């Protein structure tokens, strides 16, 4: 059995297509957001392969939503980020259940 201190969540990396589907935007929008600095740059795995750290993207979008609270901020950005973060926490918690069985 692993100790709680030793159990570190593994970062989840997603493609631009998966990220676009998660936030309901086009793949091109994901690249525009990255170029504009709205989300972190992807990790380049090869000439035609890039992956984004989902937790970093969620954090960046949540921060942007909080900073723009006085402006018209798309509520879906914060809602999707919160939902994705909750799902990740549940997956991390379920990963720990496998050791207890």
N, C-alpha and C. Protein backbone atom coordinates (compact mmCIF):
# COMPACT_ATOMS: atom_id res chain seq x y z
N UNK A 1 0.84 -1.18 0.00
CA UNK A 1 0.00 0.00 0.00
C UNK A 1 0.89 1.25 0.00
N UNK A 2 0.56 2.17 -0.84
CA UNK A 2 1.33 3.41 -0.94
C UNK A 2 0.89 4.38 0.15
N UNK A 3 1.85 5.15 0.64
CA UNK A 3 1.50 6.17 1.61
C UNK A 3 0.90 7.36 0.88
N UNK A 4 -0.02 8.11 1.52
CA UNK A 4 -0.64 9.26 0.87
C UNK A 4 0.37 10.30 0.40
N UNK A 5 1.47 10.44 1.13
CA UNK A 5 2.48 11.44 0.75
C UNK A 5 3.18 11.03 -0.54
N UNK A 6 3.31 9.73 -0.78
CA UNK A 6 4.01 9.25 -1.97
C UNK A 6 3.12 9.27 -3.21
N UNK A 7 1.82 9.29 -3.01
CA UNK A 7 0.89 9.27 -4.15
C UNK A 7 0.77 10.67 -4.74
N UNK A 8 1.40 10.87 -5.89
CA UNK A 8 1.35 12.16 -6.57
C UNK A 8 0.54 11.99 -7.85
N UNK A 9 -0.42 12.86 -8.11
CA UNK A 9 -1.19 12.71 -9.34
C UNK A 9 -0.31 12.92 -10.56
N UNK A 10 -0.51 12.09 -11.55
CA UNK A 10 0.22 12.19 -12.80
C UNK A 10 -0.46 13.23 -13.68
N UNK A 11 0.29 14.16 -14.26
CA UNK A 11 -0.34 15.16 -15.12
C UNK A 11 -1.03 14.49 -16.31
N UNK A 12 -2.17 15.02 -16.66
CA UNK A 12 -2.90 14.49 -17.81
C UNK A 12 -2.64 15.43 -18.99
N UNK A 13 -2.16 14.88 -20.07
CA UNK A 13 -1.90 15.64 -21.28
C UNK A 13 -2.94 15.30 -22.33
N UNK A 14 -3.45 16.33 -23.00
CA UNK A 14 -4.50 16.13 -24.00
C UNK A 14 -4.11 16.82 -25.31
N UNK A 15 -4.67 16.31 -26.37
CA UNK A 15 -4.43 16.89 -27.70
C UNK A 15 -5.25 18.16 -27.86
N UNK A 16 -4.92 18.91 -28.88
CA UNK A 16 -5.70 20.12 -29.19
C UNK A 16 -7.14 19.77 -29.52
N UNK A 17 -7.33 18.66 -30.20
CA UNK A 17 -8.69 18.22 -30.56
C UNK A 17 -9.50 17.90 -29.30
N UNK A 18 -8.88 17.17 -28.36
CA UNK A 18 -9.56 16.84 -27.12
C UNK A 18 -9.86 18.09 -26.30
N UNK A 19 -8.90 19.00 -26.25
CA UNK A 19 -9.07 20.24 -25.51
C UNK A 19 -10.19 21.08 -26.12
N UNK A 20 -10.22 21.15 -27.44
CA UNK A 20 -11.27 21.89 -28.13
C UNK A 20 -12.64 21.29 -27.83
N UNK A 21 -12.72 19.97 -27.84
CA UNK A 21 -13.99 19.31 -27.52
C UNK A 21 -14.43 19.55 -26.09
N UNK A 22 -13.48 19.58 -25.19
CA UNK A 22 -13.78 19.82 -23.78
C UNK A 22 -14.38 21.21 -23.56
N UNK A 23 -13.86 22.20 -24.28
CA UNK A 23 -14.32 23.58 -24.09
C UNK A 23 -15.30 24.05 -25.16
N UNK A 24 -15.65 23.19 -26.10
CA UNK A 24 -16.66 23.54 -27.10
C UNK A 24 -16.19 24.61 -28.07
N UNK A 25 -14.91 24.59 -28.42
CA UNK A 25 -14.37 25.55 -29.38
C UNK A 25 -13.64 24.76 -30.47
N UNK A 26 -13.15 25.46 -31.47
CA UNK A 26 -12.42 24.78 -32.54
C UNK A 26 -10.96 24.57 -32.14
N UNK A 27 -10.30 23.66 -32.84
CA UNK A 27 -8.88 23.41 -32.60
C UNK A 27 -8.09 24.69 -32.89
N UNK A 28 -8.50 25.42 -33.92
CA UNK A 28 -7.82 26.67 -34.25
C UNK A 28 -7.91 27.67 -33.10
N UNK A 29 -9.04 27.69 -32.41
CA UNK A 29 -9.20 28.59 -31.25
C UNK A 29 -8.22 28.21 -30.15
N UNK A 30 -8.01 26.92 -29.94
CA UNK A 30 -7.04 26.48 -28.93
C UNK A 30 -5.65 27.03 -29.28
N UNK A 31 -5.28 26.90 -30.55
CA UNK A 31 -3.97 27.43 -30.97
C UNK A 31 -3.90 28.95 -30.85
N UNK A 32 -5.00 29.64 -31.13
CA UNK A 32 -5.02 31.11 -30.98
C UNK A 32 -4.85 31.49 -29.51
N UNK A 33 -5.56 30.78 -28.63
CA UNK A 33 -5.45 31.05 -27.20
C UNK A 33 -4.01 30.83 -26.74
N UNK A 34 -3.39 29.78 -27.24
CA UNK A 34 -2.01 29.49 -26.86
C UNK A 34 -1.06 30.58 -27.35
N UNK A 35 -1.24 30.98 -28.60
CA UNK A 35 -0.38 32.02 -29.18
C UNK A 35 -0.55 33.35 -28.44
N UNK A 36 -1.78 33.63 -28.01
CA UNK A 36 -2.07 34.88 -27.31
C UNK A 36 -1.65 34.83 -25.83
N UNK A 37 -1.25 33.66 -25.34
CA UNK A 37 -0.85 33.54 -23.95
C UNK A 37 -2.01 33.30 -23.00
N UNK A 38 -3.18 33.07 -23.54
CA UNK A 38 -4.36 32.83 -22.70
C UNK A 38 -4.26 31.46 -22.01
N UNK A 39 -3.65 30.51 -22.69
CA UNK A 39 -3.36 29.20 -22.11
C UNK A 39 -1.88 28.91 -22.32
N UNK A 40 -1.30 28.02 -21.52
CA UNK A 40 0.12 27.71 -21.69
C UNK A 40 0.41 27.07 -23.04
N UNK A 41 1.63 27.20 -23.48
CA UNK A 41 2.05 26.57 -24.73
C UNK A 41 2.03 25.05 -24.56
N UNK A 42 1.79 24.33 -25.64
CA UNK A 42 1.77 22.88 -25.53
C UNK A 42 3.18 22.29 -25.45
N UNK A 43 3.23 21.08 -25.01
CA UNK A 43 4.47 20.31 -25.02
C UNK A 43 4.59 19.70 -26.42
N UNK A 44 5.67 19.98 -27.09
CA UNK A 44 5.88 19.46 -28.45
C UNK A 44 6.54 18.09 -28.35
N UNK A 45 5.84 17.06 -28.80
CA UNK A 45 6.36 15.69 -28.74
C UNK A 45 7.00 15.27 -30.04
N UNK A 46 6.71 16.00 -31.09
CA UNK A 46 7.26 15.68 -32.40
C UNK A 46 6.90 16.79 -33.36
N UNK A 47 7.20 16.58 -34.62
CA UNK A 47 6.94 17.61 -35.62
C UNK A 47 5.46 17.96 -35.73
N UNK A 48 4.60 16.96 -35.64
CA UNK A 48 3.15 17.19 -35.77
C UNK A 48 2.37 16.73 -34.55
N UNK A 49 3.02 16.67 -33.40
CA UNK A 49 2.35 16.18 -32.19
C UNK A 49 2.59 17.14 -31.03
N UNK A 50 1.49 17.67 -30.50
CA UNK A 50 1.55 18.58 -29.36
C UNK A 50 0.51 18.14 -28.34
N UNK A 51 0.83 18.33 -27.08
CA UNK A 51 -0.11 18.00 -26.00
C UNK A 51 -0.06 19.10 -24.96
N UNK A 52 -1.24 19.40 -24.41
CA UNK A 52 -1.37 20.41 -23.36
C UNK A 52 -1.56 19.72 -22.02
N UNK A 53 -0.98 20.27 -20.98
CA UNK A 53 -1.20 19.80 -19.62
C UNK A 53 -2.58 20.33 -19.21
N UNK A 54 -3.52 19.43 -19.01
CA UNK A 54 -4.90 19.82 -18.75
C UNK A 54 -5.03 20.67 -17.50
N UNK A 55 -4.33 20.31 -16.44
CA UNK A 55 -4.41 21.07 -15.19
C UNK A 55 -3.91 22.50 -15.38
N UNK A 56 -2.84 22.69 -16.16
CA UNK A 56 -2.31 24.03 -16.41
C UNK A 56 -3.28 24.86 -17.23
N UNK A 57 -3.91 24.24 -18.22
CA UNK A 57 -4.89 24.96 -19.05
C UNK A 57 -6.08 25.38 -18.20
N UNK A 58 -6.59 24.45 -17.38
CA UNK A 58 -7.73 24.76 -16.52
C UNK A 58 -7.39 25.90 -15.56
N UNK A 59 -6.21 25.86 -14.98
CA UNK A 59 -5.79 26.92 -14.05
C UNK A 59 -5.69 28.27 -14.76
N UNK A 60 -5.14 28.26 -15.98
CA UNK A 60 -4.99 29.52 -16.73
C UNK A 60 -6.35 30.11 -17.08
N UNK A 61 -7.29 29.26 -17.49
CA UNK A 61 -8.62 29.76 -17.86
C UNK A 61 -9.39 30.23 -16.63
N UNK A 62 -9.22 29.53 -15.50
CA UNK A 62 -9.87 29.98 -14.26
C UNK A 62 -9.31 31.33 -13.82
N UNK A 63 -8.00 31.49 -13.90
CA UNK A 63 -7.36 32.75 -13.52
C UNK A 63 -7.85 33.88 -14.42
N UNK A 64 -7.93 33.61 -15.72
CA UNK A 64 -8.41 34.63 -16.66
C UNK A 64 -9.86 35.00 -16.36
N UNK A 65 -10.67 34.02 -16.02
CA UNK A 65 -12.08 34.29 -15.70
C UNK A 65 -12.20 35.13 -14.43
N UNK A 66 -11.35 34.84 -13.44
CA UNK A 66 -11.38 35.60 -12.20
C UNK A 66 -10.91 37.04 -12.40
N UNK A 67 -9.88 37.22 -13.25
CA UNK A 67 -9.35 38.55 -13.50
C UNK A 67 -10.34 39.41 -14.28
N UNK A 68 -11.15 38.78 -15.09
CA UNK A 68 -12.10 39.51 -15.92
C UNK A 68 -13.49 39.53 -15.33
N UNK A 69 -13.59 39.35 -14.03
CA UNK A 69 -14.90 39.25 -13.38
C UNK A 69 -15.78 40.47 -13.64
N UNK A 70 -15.18 41.63 -13.80
CA UNK A 70 -15.96 42.83 -14.05
C UNK A 70 -16.39 42.96 -15.50
N UNK A 71 -15.77 42.19 -16.37
CA UNK A 71 -16.09 42.24 -17.80
C UNK A 71 -17.02 41.08 -18.14
N UNK A 72 -17.51 41.06 -19.35
CA UNK A 72 -18.33 39.94 -19.80
C UNK A 72 -17.43 38.74 -20.00
N UNK A 73 -17.46 37.84 -19.04
CA UNK A 73 -16.64 36.64 -19.09
C UNK A 73 -17.54 35.47 -19.44
N UNK A 74 -17.13 34.68 -20.41
CA UNK A 74 -17.94 33.51 -20.72
C UNK A 74 -18.03 32.59 -19.51
N UNK A 75 -19.21 32.44 -18.96
CA UNK A 75 -19.41 31.60 -17.79
C UNK A 75 -19.09 30.15 -18.06
N UNK A 76 -19.23 29.77 -19.31
CA UNK A 76 -18.96 28.37 -19.65
C UNK A 76 -17.50 28.02 -19.45
N UNK A 77 -16.59 29.01 -19.56
CA UNK A 77 -15.17 28.73 -19.37
C UNK A 77 -14.93 28.29 -17.93
N UNK A 78 -15.44 29.05 -16.99
CA UNK A 78 -15.26 28.72 -15.58
C UNK A 78 -15.99 27.43 -15.24
N UNK A 79 -17.19 27.26 -15.77
CA UNK A 79 -17.97 26.06 -15.48
C UNK A 79 -17.28 24.81 -16.02
N UNK A 80 -16.79 24.88 -17.25
CA UNK A 80 -16.09 23.72 -17.84
C UNK A 80 -14.81 23.42 -17.08
N UNK A 81 -14.07 24.45 -16.71
CA UNK A 81 -12.82 24.25 -15.99
C UNK A 81 -13.09 23.63 -14.61
N UNK A 82 -14.13 24.11 -13.93
CA UNK A 82 -14.46 23.56 -12.62
C UNK A 82 -14.92 22.11 -12.75
N UNK A 83 -15.72 21.82 -13.78
CA UNK A 83 -16.20 20.46 -14.00
C UNK A 83 -15.04 19.53 -14.33
N UNK A 84 -14.13 19.98 -15.16
CA UNK A 84 -12.97 19.16 -15.53
C UNK A 84 -12.06 18.93 -14.32
N UNK A 85 -11.88 19.95 -13.49
CA UNK A 85 -11.05 19.81 -12.30
C UNK A 85 -11.68 18.82 -11.32
N UNK A 86 -13.01 18.89 -11.18
CA UNK A 86 -13.70 17.95 -10.29
C UNK A 86 -13.57 16.52 -10.82
N UNK A 87 -13.71 16.35 -12.12
CA UNK A 87 -13.57 15.02 -12.72
C UNK A 87 -12.17 14.48 -12.51
N UNK A 88 -11.16 15.34 -12.64
CA UNK A 88 -9.78 14.92 -12.42
C UNK A 88 -9.57 14.50 -10.97
N UNK A 89 -10.15 15.24 -10.04
CA UNK A 89 -10.02 14.89 -8.62
C UNK A 89 -10.67 13.54 -8.35
N UNK A 90 -11.83 13.30 -8.98
CA UNK A 90 -12.51 12.02 -8.80
C UNK A 90 -11.68 10.88 -9.39
N UNK A 91 -11.06 11.11 -10.56
CA UNK A 91 -10.21 10.08 -11.16
C UNK A 91 -9.01 9.80 -10.25
N UNK A 92 -8.42 10.86 -9.70
CA UNK A 92 -7.28 10.69 -8.80
C UNK A 92 -7.69 9.91 -7.55
N UNK A 93 -8.88 10.22 -7.02
CA UNK A 93 -9.37 9.52 -5.83
C UNK A 93 -9.65 8.06 -6.15
N UNK A 94 -10.21 7.79 -7.33
CA UNK A 94 -10.49 6.41 -7.72
C UNK A 94 -9.22 5.63 -7.97
N UNK A 95 -8.16 6.29 -8.41
CA UNK A 95 -6.88 5.63 -8.61
C UNK A 95 -6.36 5.09 -7.28
N UNK A 96 -6.61 5.79 -6.21
CA UNK A 96 -6.17 5.35 -4.89
C UNK A 96 -6.96 4.18 -4.37
N UNK A 97 -8.22 3.99 -4.86
CA UNK A 97 -9.04 2.88 -4.41
C UNK A 97 -8.49 1.54 -4.86
N UNK A 98 -7.79 1.50 -5.97
CA UNK A 98 -7.25 0.26 -6.48
C UNK A 98 -6.26 -0.37 -5.51
N UNK A 99 -5.56 0.43 -4.73
CA UNK A 99 -4.58 -0.07 -3.77
C UNK A 99 -5.26 -0.67 -2.55
N UNK A 100 -6.46 -0.18 -2.22
CA UNK A 100 -7.14 -0.62 -1.00
C UNK A 100 -7.86 -1.94 -1.21
N UNK A 101 -8.10 -2.34 -2.44
CA UNK A 101 -8.88 -3.57 -2.70
C UNK A 101 -8.08 -4.79 -2.50
